[in-house]
Amino acid sequence: MCAATPACPIPYKGPSREHIFLLRRFHRLRTTQDITEPTESYRVMDRLKGLVARETHPITMTISKVAQAFGALLLMAVCSQYMLTIYSFGDKPQHRFLPRHITKKTIRGQTYHVHEVDPMSPSLREKYQHRRVLSVSHSGAKLTAHREMLDYHRGRWAPSTGPSEPMYAPLGGRGRGLTCNTCALVSNSGQLLGGARGSDIDAADCVFRLNAAPTAGYESDVGGRTTARVVSHKSLTNLYLNSTSVLGGGRGPRRVFVHGPQYAFGNARTARLLRALGEKFSTVDFYRFTQTAESRADAEFEKQTQIPRSKSGVELSTGWFALTLMMDSCQHIQVYGMVPHNYCRLYPDSQVPYQYWTPGGVSECVMYQYHEDAGSQGQRLLTERRIFRTWAPTHNITFHQPTWV
């Protein structure tokens, strides 16, 4: 078969009604009029020729088919809309989503009266109620943590414990006291590089380190023995990732003290990390600084600077909490690698790295200035050093590498 073109027209399927009407009219005119005169019959003949041309032309037939298809689709759309309207406004209630549990259930009694009954069986109702109460009890700590967090940042935090509470409390039920004669606090500063203070540090009764600072490869400068680590709650992830080298081994710490606001310990991530570390290192005891320690730190900062710490948004450093812990546990304190508050003003071109295990990293003076200029969430490290100077005579604190006080 050929395509519908003028050279190969579509087969003629027969005359239409108009075609038949014109044929009959033409036949009647030819039989009643004189054929020698151009009368109405010629006009009818012209109409017949045009009609035949239109009926057999491919474009005309295509348009006709499109019109028929469009009409059918329009009819289907109208019918569908009508059916949806009937379905939507029917007497039977329809639900977009089926309820998980039946909320109403009716039965017809012997007297043909309808009664509402509990849709759950007694055993299922008891299980459901227990699960609901359990969910509320589990979310209580989270809600309390959020409330404490808001009060903490709004400056409305009030100690919830008495003054007799110790500075730290064990996590997980394990805990041993800490009392030392001579203590060494090893900072993270690059000032320790090349000082060969490792033997002096290891000679102390107790050695305190900060966060996840490594010792492997730096023993000659920072020592290799660790008694305790003081860790910020923000550094727990880093501690966990490096826990094998930092907490493992025979010379690793036996105590880890975690500091942070009270709401941080209600956080699921913090609790999960502490639980994982406790399970992995069963010989290490984990502690948290209590609210008494946090309140003492806030009061001391406000006393020294005349600025409320919580309202200013300033965060106290891990070195601050390490020194306060050592002042409560040690008779003599040796601090290594901590510069005085005026060091960067005296040596403005110093390129000593902020961390001794990243020699090519940012310099400590740049980091100190960044924290001093930062708004909320910043640490006033140089301001803290000025406060440490006032503590030194009373608590037998001596600073080495560099030496000051």
Protein backbone atom coordinates (compact mmCIF):
# COMPACT_ATOMS: atom_id res chain seq x y z
CA MET A 1 0.00 0.00 0.00
CA CYS A 2 1.17 3.53 -0.79
CA ALA A 3 0.98 6.58 1.47
CA ALA A 4 -1.85 9.08 1.27
CA THR A 5 -0.46 11.59 -1.28
CA PRO A 6 -1.90 13.31 -4.38
CA ALA A 7 -0.06 10.72 -6.49
CA CYS A 8 -1.59 7.90 -4.49
CA PRO A 9 -4.89 9.09 -2.95
CA ILE A 10 -6.69 7.35 -0.13
CA PRO A 11 -9.31 4.89 -1.47
CA TYR A 12 -12.76 6.37 -1.74
CA LYS A 13 -15.04 4.84 0.92
CA GLY A 14 -18.37 5.92 -0.51
CA PRO A 15 -20.55 9.03 -0.69
CA SER A 16 -21.58 10.98 2.37
CA ARG A 17 -25.15 12.13 3.08
CA GLU A 18 -24.47 15.51 1.55
CA HIS A 19 -23.05 13.77 -1.50
CA ILE A 20 -26.17 11.63 -1.95
CA PHE A 21 -28.40 14.66 -1.47
CA LEU A 22 -26.57 16.63 -4.17
CA LEU A 23 -26.69 13.66 -6.58
CA ARG A 24 -30.44 13.31 -6.19
CA ARG A 25 -30.94 17.04 -6.63
CA PHE A 26 -28.74 17.08 -9.74
CA HIS A 27 -30.67 14.14 -11.21
CA ARG A 28 -34.00 15.85 -10.55
CA LEU A 29 -32.81 19.12 -12.12
CA ARG A 30 -31.49 17.39 -15.23
CA THR A 31 -34.76 15.66 -15.79
CA THR A 32 -36.91 18.74 -15.31
CA GLN A 33 -34.81 21.50 -16.96
CA ASP A 34 -33.44 22.16 -20.43
CA ILE A 35 -29.89 20.85 -20.57
CA THR A 36 -28.86 23.45 -23.12
CA GLU A 37 -29.15 26.31 -20.61
CA PRO A 38 -26.60 26.81 -17.73
CA THR A 39 -29.04 26.58 -14.89
CA GLU A 40 -29.05 25.38 -11.29
CA SER A 41 -27.82 21.95 -12.32
CA TYR A 42 -24.37 23.30 -13.17
CA ARG A 43 -24.04 24.90 -9.77
CA VAL A 44 -24.99 21.61 -8.12
CA MET A 45 -22.38 19.84 -10.25
CA ASP A 46 -19.68 22.27 -9.07
CA ARG A 47 -20.64 21.60 -5.48
CA LEU A 48 -20.42 17.86 -6.10
CA LYS A 49 -16.93 18.17 -7.54
CA GLY A 50 -15.72 20.20 -4.57
CA LEU A 51 -17.28 17.76 -2.12
CA VAL A 52 -15.60 14.77 -3.75
CA ALA A 53 -12.25 16.58 -3.68
CA ARG A 54 -12.57 17.35 0.02
CA GLU A 55 -13.63 13.83 0.97
CA THR A 56 -10.71 12.22 -0.82
CA HIS A 57 -7.97 14.75 0.16
CA PRO A 58 -5.49 13.29 2.81
CA ILE A 59 -5.14 16.49 4.86
CA THR A 60 -8.87 16.85 5.23
CA MET A 61 -9.21 13.26 6.35
CA THR A 62 -6.35 13.63 8.85
CA ILE A 63 -7.94 16.73 10.40
CA SER A 64 -11.20 14.86 10.67
CA LYS A 65 -9.56 11.97 12.49
CA VAL A 66 -7.78 14.34 14.90
CA ALA A 67 -11.05 16.08 15.64
CA GLN A 68 -12.71 12.76 16.36
CA ALA A 69 -9.87 11.68 18.69
CA PHE A 70 -9.92 15.01 20.52
CA GLY A 71 -13.64 14.75 21.00
CA ALA A 72 -13.28 11.25 22.43
CA LEU A 73 -10.58 12.39 24.89
CA LEU A 74 -12.69 15.36 25.95
CA LEU A 75 -15.61 13.07 26.61
CA MET A 76 -13.45 10.72 28.68
CA ALA A 77 -12.10 13.66 30.72
CA VAL A 78 -15.59 14.94 31.46
CA CYS A 79 -16.73 11.47 32.50
CA SER A 80 -13.68 10.96 34.75
CA GLN A 81 -14.22 14.32 36.43
CA TYR A 82 -17.83 13.47 37.03
CA MET A 83 -16.92 10.11 38.58
CA LEU A 84 -14.31 11.72 40.85
CA THR A 85 -16.86 14.28 41.99
CA ILE A 86 -19.31 11.54 42.90
CA TYR A 87 -16.57 9.61 44.73
CA SER A 88 -15.38 12.66 46.68
CA PHE A 89 -18.81 13.79 47.84
CA GLY A 90 -20.18 10.37 48.57
CA ASP A 91 -21.76 9.56 51.91
CA LYS A 92 -19.02 7.04 52.81
CA PRO A 93 -15.98 8.80 54.41
CA GLN A 94 -12.78 8.38 52.43
CA HIS A 95 -9.22 8.51 53.85
CA ARG A 96 -6.21 9.65 51.92
CA PHE A 97 -4.04 7.55 54.27
CA LEU A 98 -5.35 4.61 56.18
CA PRO A 99 -4.94 5.00 59.96
CA ARG A 100 -2.34 2.77 61.60
CA HIS A 101 -4.75 1.71 64.32
CA ILE A 102 -8.52 1.68 64.34
CA THR A 103 -9.59 4.55 66.56
CA LYS A 104 -13.30 3.72 66.76
CA LYS A 105 -15.01 0.38 66.69
CA THR A 106 -18.73 -0.30 67.06
CA ILE A 107 -20.66 -3.50 67.69
CA ARG A 108 -24.36 -4.27 67.71
CA GLY A 109 -25.61 -6.01 70.83
CA GLN A 110 -28.41 -8.47 71.35
CA THR A 111 -30.90 -5.63 71.59
CA TYR A 112 -29.66 -4.24 68.25
CA HIS A 113 -28.20 -1.16 69.93
CA VAL A 114 -24.81 0.07 68.66
CA HIS A 115 -22.00 0.31 71.26
CA GLU A 116 -18.45 1.68 70.99
CA VAL A 117 -15.73 -0.66 72.24
CA ASP A 118 -11.93 -0.52 72.59
CA PRO A 119 -10.46 -1.49 69.20
CA MET A 120 -7.40 -3.07 70.91
CA SER A 121 -7.32 -6.24 72.86
CA PRO A 122 -6.30 -5.87 76.53
CA SER A 123 -2.87 -7.44 75.93
CA LEU A 124 -2.14 -5.22 72.93
CA ARG A 125 -3.33 -2.14 74.84
CA GLU A 126 -0.93 -2.94 77.68
CA LYS A 127 2.03 -3.30 75.28
CA TYR A 128 1.14 -0.07 73.50
CA GLN A 129 0.85 1.86 76.77
CA HIS A 130 4.20 0.49 77.97
CA ARG A 131 5.92 1.52 74.74
CA ARG A 132 4.41 5.02 74.91
CA VAL A 133 5.57 5.55 78.50
CA LEU A 134 9.03 4.19 77.63
CA SER A 135 9.33 6.61 74.72
CA VAL A 136 8.41 9.56 76.92
CA SER A 137 10.93 8.55 79.58
CA HIS A 138 13.71 8.22 77.01
CA SER A 139 13.00 11.61 75.48
CA GLY A 140 12.95 13.31 78.85
CA ALA A 141 16.74 13.59 79.08
CA LYS A 142 16.90 15.05 75.59
CA LEU A 143 14.24 17.65 76.37
CA THR A 144 16.01 18.56 79.60
CA ALA A 145 19.32 18.88 77.75
CA HIS A 146 17.75 21.28 75.24
CA ARG A 147 16.27 23.38 78.04
CA GLU A 148 19.60 23.53 79.85
CA MET A 149 21.37 24.48 76.62
CA LEU A 150 19.07 27.48 76.14
CA ASP A 151 19.55 28.61 79.72
CA TYR A 152 23.31 28.15 79.40
CA HIS A 153 23.63 30.43 76.37
CA ARG A 154 21.15 32.97 77.73
CA GLY A 155 23.23 33.39 80.86
CA ARG A 156 20.52 32.00 83.16
CA TRP A 157 22.36 28.84 84.15
CA ALA A 158 22.08 28.00 87.84
CA PRO A 159 24.00 25.20 89.57
CA SER A 160 21.76 22.24 90.28
CA THR A 161 24.11 20.69 92.84
CA GLY A 162 25.42 21.71 96.20
CA PRO A 163 28.88 23.10 96.92
CA SER A 164 29.97 19.81 98.52
CA GLU A 165 29.91 18.01 95.17
CA PRO A 166 33.40 16.98 93.94
CA MET A 167 34.99 18.49 90.85
CA TYR A 168 34.60 15.34 88.76
CA ALA A 169 32.34 12.31 88.75
CA PRO A 170 32.99 8.87 87.25
CA LEU A 171 31.18 7.75 84.12
CA GLY A 172 30.05 4.14 83.92
CA GLY A 173 30.36 3.43 87.63
CA ARG A 174 34.17 3.12 87.67
CA GLY A 175 36.35 5.65 89.43
CA ARG A 176 39.51 6.05 91.47
CA GLY A 177 40.84 9.06 93.31
CA LEU A 178 43.77 11.06 91.97
CA THR A 179 46.42 12.47 94.30
CA CYS A 180 49.96 13.34 93.19
CA ASN A 181 52.98 15.18 94.58
CA THR A 182 54.62 16.51 91.41
CA CYS A 183 52.61 16.91 88.21
CA ALA A 184 53.53 17.85 84.65
CA LEU A 185 51.07 19.47 82.24
CA VAL A 186 52.13 19.05 78.59
CA SER A 187 50.56 21.63 76.28
CA ASN A 188 50.05 21.15 72.54
CA SER A 189 52.26 24.06 71.50
CA GLY A 190 55.13 23.82 69.04
CA GLN A 191 57.28 25.49 71.71
CA LEU A 192 58.08 21.95 72.91
CA LEU A 193 59.90 20.99 69.70
CA GLY A 194 63.65 20.80 70.16
CA GLY A 195 63.52 21.38 73.92
CA ALA A 196 64.43 17.79 74.92
CA ARG A 197 62.14 17.98 77.94
CA GLY A 198 60.83 14.44 77.58
CA SER A 199 62.84 12.96 80.45
CA ASP A 200 61.84 15.80 82.81
CA ILE A 201 58.17 15.29 81.93
CA ASP A 202 58.29 11.51 82.48
CA ALA A 203 60.01 12.04 85.84
CA ALA A 204 56.89 13.66 87.34
CA ASP A 205 54.55 11.58 89.50
CA CYS A 206 51.59 12.35 87.23
CA VAL A 207 51.63 13.52 83.61
CA PHE A 208 48.58 15.32 82.19
CA ARG A 209 47.99 15.78 78.45
CA LEU A 210 45.30 17.64 76.49
CA ASN A 211 42.71 16.19 74.09
CA ALA A 212 44.21 13.73 71.57
CA ALA A 213 47.79 15.07 71.42
CA PRO A 214 50.09 12.21 70.29
CA THR A 215 53.34 11.09 71.94
CA ALA A 216 54.65 8.51 69.45
CA GLY A 217 57.60 10.00 67.60
CA TYR A 218 57.93 12.99 69.95
CA GLU A 219 59.07 11.25 73.14
CA SER A 220 62.33 13.22 73.40
CA ASP A 221 60.45 16.53 73.52
CA VAL A 222 57.08 15.69 75.12
CA GLY A 223 57.76 12.43 76.96
CA GLY A 224 55.99 9.12 76.51
CA ARG A 225 54.14 8.48 79.77
CA THR A 226 50.58 9.65 80.44
CA THR A 227 48.66 9.51 83.70
CA ALA A 228 45.51 11.38 82.66
CA ARG A 229 44.05 13.22 79.70
CA VAL A 230 41.72 16.19 79.89
CA VAL A 231 39.44 16.24 76.85
CA SER A 232 36.82 18.66 75.59
CA HIS A 233 33.46 17.16 74.65
CA LYS A 234 34.05 18.61 71.16
CA SER A 235 37.27 16.55 70.80
CA LEU A 236 35.73 13.18 71.65
CA THR A 237 35.38 12.25 67.98
CA ASN A 238 39.06 12.95 67.35
CA LEU A 239 39.97 11.02 70.49
CA TYR A 240 37.93 8.04 69.33
CA LEU A 241 39.49 8.05 65.86
CA ASN A 242 43.00 8.06 67.38
CA SER A 243 42.16 6.03 70.47
CA THR A 244 44.43 3.09 69.66
CA SER A 245 47.59 5.21 69.66
CA VAL A 246 46.47 7.74 72.28
CA LEU A 247 44.76 5.53 74.88
CA GLY A 248 46.30 2.14 74.14
CA GLY A 249 49.66 0.72 75.12
CA GLY A 250 51.35 0.21 78.45
CA ARG A 251 52.22 3.90 78.87
CA GLY A 252 48.74 5.17 78.03
CA PRO A 253 46.49 7.03 80.48
CA ARG A 254 44.41 5.35 83.13
CA ARG A 255 42.04 8.30 83.50
CA VAL A 256 40.25 10.54 81.00
CA PHE A 257 38.46 13.68 82.22
CA VAL A 258 35.85 15.18 79.87
CA HIS A 259 34.75 18.78 80.28
CA GLY A 260 31.78 20.57 78.75
CA PRO A 261 28.42 22.09 79.69
CA GLN A 262 25.93 19.80 81.35
CA TYR A 263 23.66 19.66 78.32
CA ALA A 264 26.52 18.17 76.27
CA PHE A 265 26.39 14.95 78.27
CA GLY A 266 22.70 14.55 77.43
CA ASN A 267 23.60 14.57 73.73
CA ALA A 268 23.23 11.18 72.04
CA ARG A 269 26.49 11.51 70.10
CA THR A 270 28.53 12.30 73.23
CA ALA A 271 26.96 9.43 75.15
CA ARG A 272 27.57 7.03 72.26
CA LEU A 273 31.26 8.01 71.97
CA LEU A 274 31.85 7.69 75.71
CA ARG A 275 30.15 4.30 75.79
CA ALA A 276 32.21 3.06 72.84
CA LEU A 277 35.47 4.27 74.41
CA GLY A 278 34.58 2.67 77.75
CA GLU A 279 33.85 -0.68 76.09
CA LYS A 280 37.04 -0.57 74.01
CA PHE A 281 39.35 0.41 76.89
CA SER A 282 38.15 -1.37 80.00
CA THR A 283 41.26 -0.38 82.00
CA VAL A 284 40.68 3.36 81.48
CA ASP A 285 38.38 5.25 83.85
CA PHE A 286 36.31 8.06 82.35
CA TYR A 287 35.15 11.08 84.33
CA ARG A 288 33.22 14.25 83.64
CA PHE A 289 33.63 17.61 85.30
CA THR A 290 30.63 18.26 87.53
CA GLN A 291 28.45 21.33 87.60
CA THR A 292 30.36 22.48 90.67
CA ALA A 293 33.58 22.59 88.64
CA GLU A 294 31.82 24.47 85.82
CA SER A 295 30.36 26.99 88.27
CA ARG A 296 33.72 27.53 89.96
CA ALA A 297 35.35 28.14 86.59
CA ASP A 298 32.67 30.67 85.61
CA ALA A 299 32.98 32.47 88.94
CA GLU A 300 36.78 32.62 88.68
CA PHE A 301 36.67 33.95 85.11
CA GLU A 302 34.19 36.67 86.10
CA LYS A 303 36.27 37.55 89.17
CA GLN A 304 39.44 37.99 87.09
CA THR A 305 37.92 39.77 84.07
CA GLN A 306 34.78 41.43 85.50
CA ILE A 307 32.88 39.84 82.58
CA PRO A 308 30.27 37.07 83.05
CA ARG A 309 31.55 34.17 80.99
CA SER A 310 28.16 32.70 80.07
CA LYS A 311 26.74 36.03 78.86
CA SER A 312 29.83 36.86 76.80
CA GLY A 313 29.69 33.50 74.98
CA VAL A 314 33.35 32.76 75.76
CA GLU A 315 34.41 29.12 76.11
CA LEU A 316 37.08 28.12 78.60
CA SER A 317 39.94 26.10 77.14
CA THR A 318 40.92 22.54 77.95
CA GLY A 319 44.13 23.92 79.50
CA TRP A 320 42.02 25.89 81.98
CA PHE A 321 40.19 22.76 83.17
CA ALA A 322 43.41 20.75 83.26
CA LEU A 323 45.08 23.32 85.54
CA THR A 324 42.06 23.54 87.86
CA LEU A 325 42.03 19.74 88.12
CA MET A 326 45.76 19.67 88.88
CA MET A 327 45.44 22.43 91.49
CA ASP A 328 42.94 20.17 93.25
CA SER A 329 45.12 17.04 93.00
CA CYS A 330 48.81 18.07 92.89
CA GLN A 331 51.27 19.69 95.32
CA HIS A 332 53.71 21.02 92.69
CA ILE A 333 52.78 21.75 89.06
CA GLN A 334 55.20 22.04 86.13
CA VAL A 335 53.70 23.38 82.87
CA TYR A 336 55.55 22.78 79.60
CA GLY A 337 55.11 24.67 76.32
CA MET A 338 52.65 27.35 77.47
CA VAL A 339 53.59 30.93 76.53
CA PRO A 340 52.77 34.04 78.64
CA HIS A 341 50.03 36.48 77.71
CA ASN A 342 52.47 39.04 76.21
CA TYR A 343 54.54 36.58 74.14
CA CYS A 344 53.04 37.48 70.76
CA ARG A 345 53.49 41.18 71.46
CA LEU A 346 57.15 40.62 72.29
CA TYR A 347 57.70 38.28 69.31
CA PRO A 348 55.26 39.40 66.59
CA ASP A 349 57.13 37.48 63.86
CA SER A 350 57.07 34.14 65.69
CA GLN A 351 56.21 31.21 63.42
CA VAL A 352 56.01 28.56 66.15
CA PRO A 353 53.17 26.16 65.19
CA TYR A 354 50.03 25.98 67.28
CA GLN A 355 50.37 22.16 67.54
CA TYR A 356 53.72 20.41 67.82
CA TRP A 357 52.63 17.46 65.62
CA THR A 358 51.83 19.79 62.69
CA PRO A 359 55.12 21.67 62.13
CA GLY A 360 53.89 23.35 58.94
CA GLY A 361 50.55 24.38 60.40
CA VAL A 362 49.22 27.76 61.47
CA SER A 363 51.32 29.64 64.01
CA GLU A 364 50.15 29.86 67.59
CA CYS A 365 50.16 33.68 67.61
CA VAL A 366 47.77 33.73 64.67
CA MET A 367 45.50 31.26 66.46
CA TYR A 368 45.66 33.19 69.74
CA GLN A 369 44.73 36.44 68.02
CA TYR A 370 41.89 34.71 66.18
CA HIS A 371 40.38 33.49 69.45
CA GLU A 372 40.84 36.85 71.15
CA ASP A 373 38.97 38.60 68.33
CA ALA A 374 36.27 35.94 67.94
CA GLY A 375 32.81 36.60 69.30
CA SER A 376 30.79 33.80 70.84
CA GLN A 377 32.25 30.28 70.91
CA GLY A 378 35.78 31.71 71.04
CA GLN A 379 38.45 31.06 73.67
CA ARG A 380 40.37 33.89 75.34
CA LEU A 381 43.65 31.98 75.46
CA LEU A 382 45.91 34.97 76.14
CA THR A 383 43.47 36.27 78.75
CA GLU A 384 43.62 32.88 80.45
CA ARG A 385 47.44 33.06 80.54
CA ARG A 386 47.18 36.35 82.42
CA ILE A 387 44.91 34.60 84.93
CA PHE A 388 47.30 31.63 85.19
CA ARG A 389 50.04 34.07 86.23
CA THR A 390 47.94 35.10 89.24
CA TRP A 391 47.45 31.44 90.21
CA ALA A 392 51.13 30.52 90.07
CA PRO A 393 52.35 31.78 93.48
CA THR A 394 49.45 30.27 95.42
CA HIS A 395 49.43 26.83 93.78
CA ASN A 396 53.17 26.27 93.14
CA ILE A 397 52.90 26.50 89.35
CA THR A 398 56.08 26.85 87.27
CA PHE A 399 56.16 27.36 83.50
CA HIS A 400 58.88 25.91 81.27
CA GLN A 401 59.69 26.11 77.56
CA PRO A 402 59.46 29.10 77.66
CA THR A 403 60.20 29.93 81.29
CA TRP A 404 58.13 32.61 82.95
CA VAL A 405 56.70 33.53 86.37
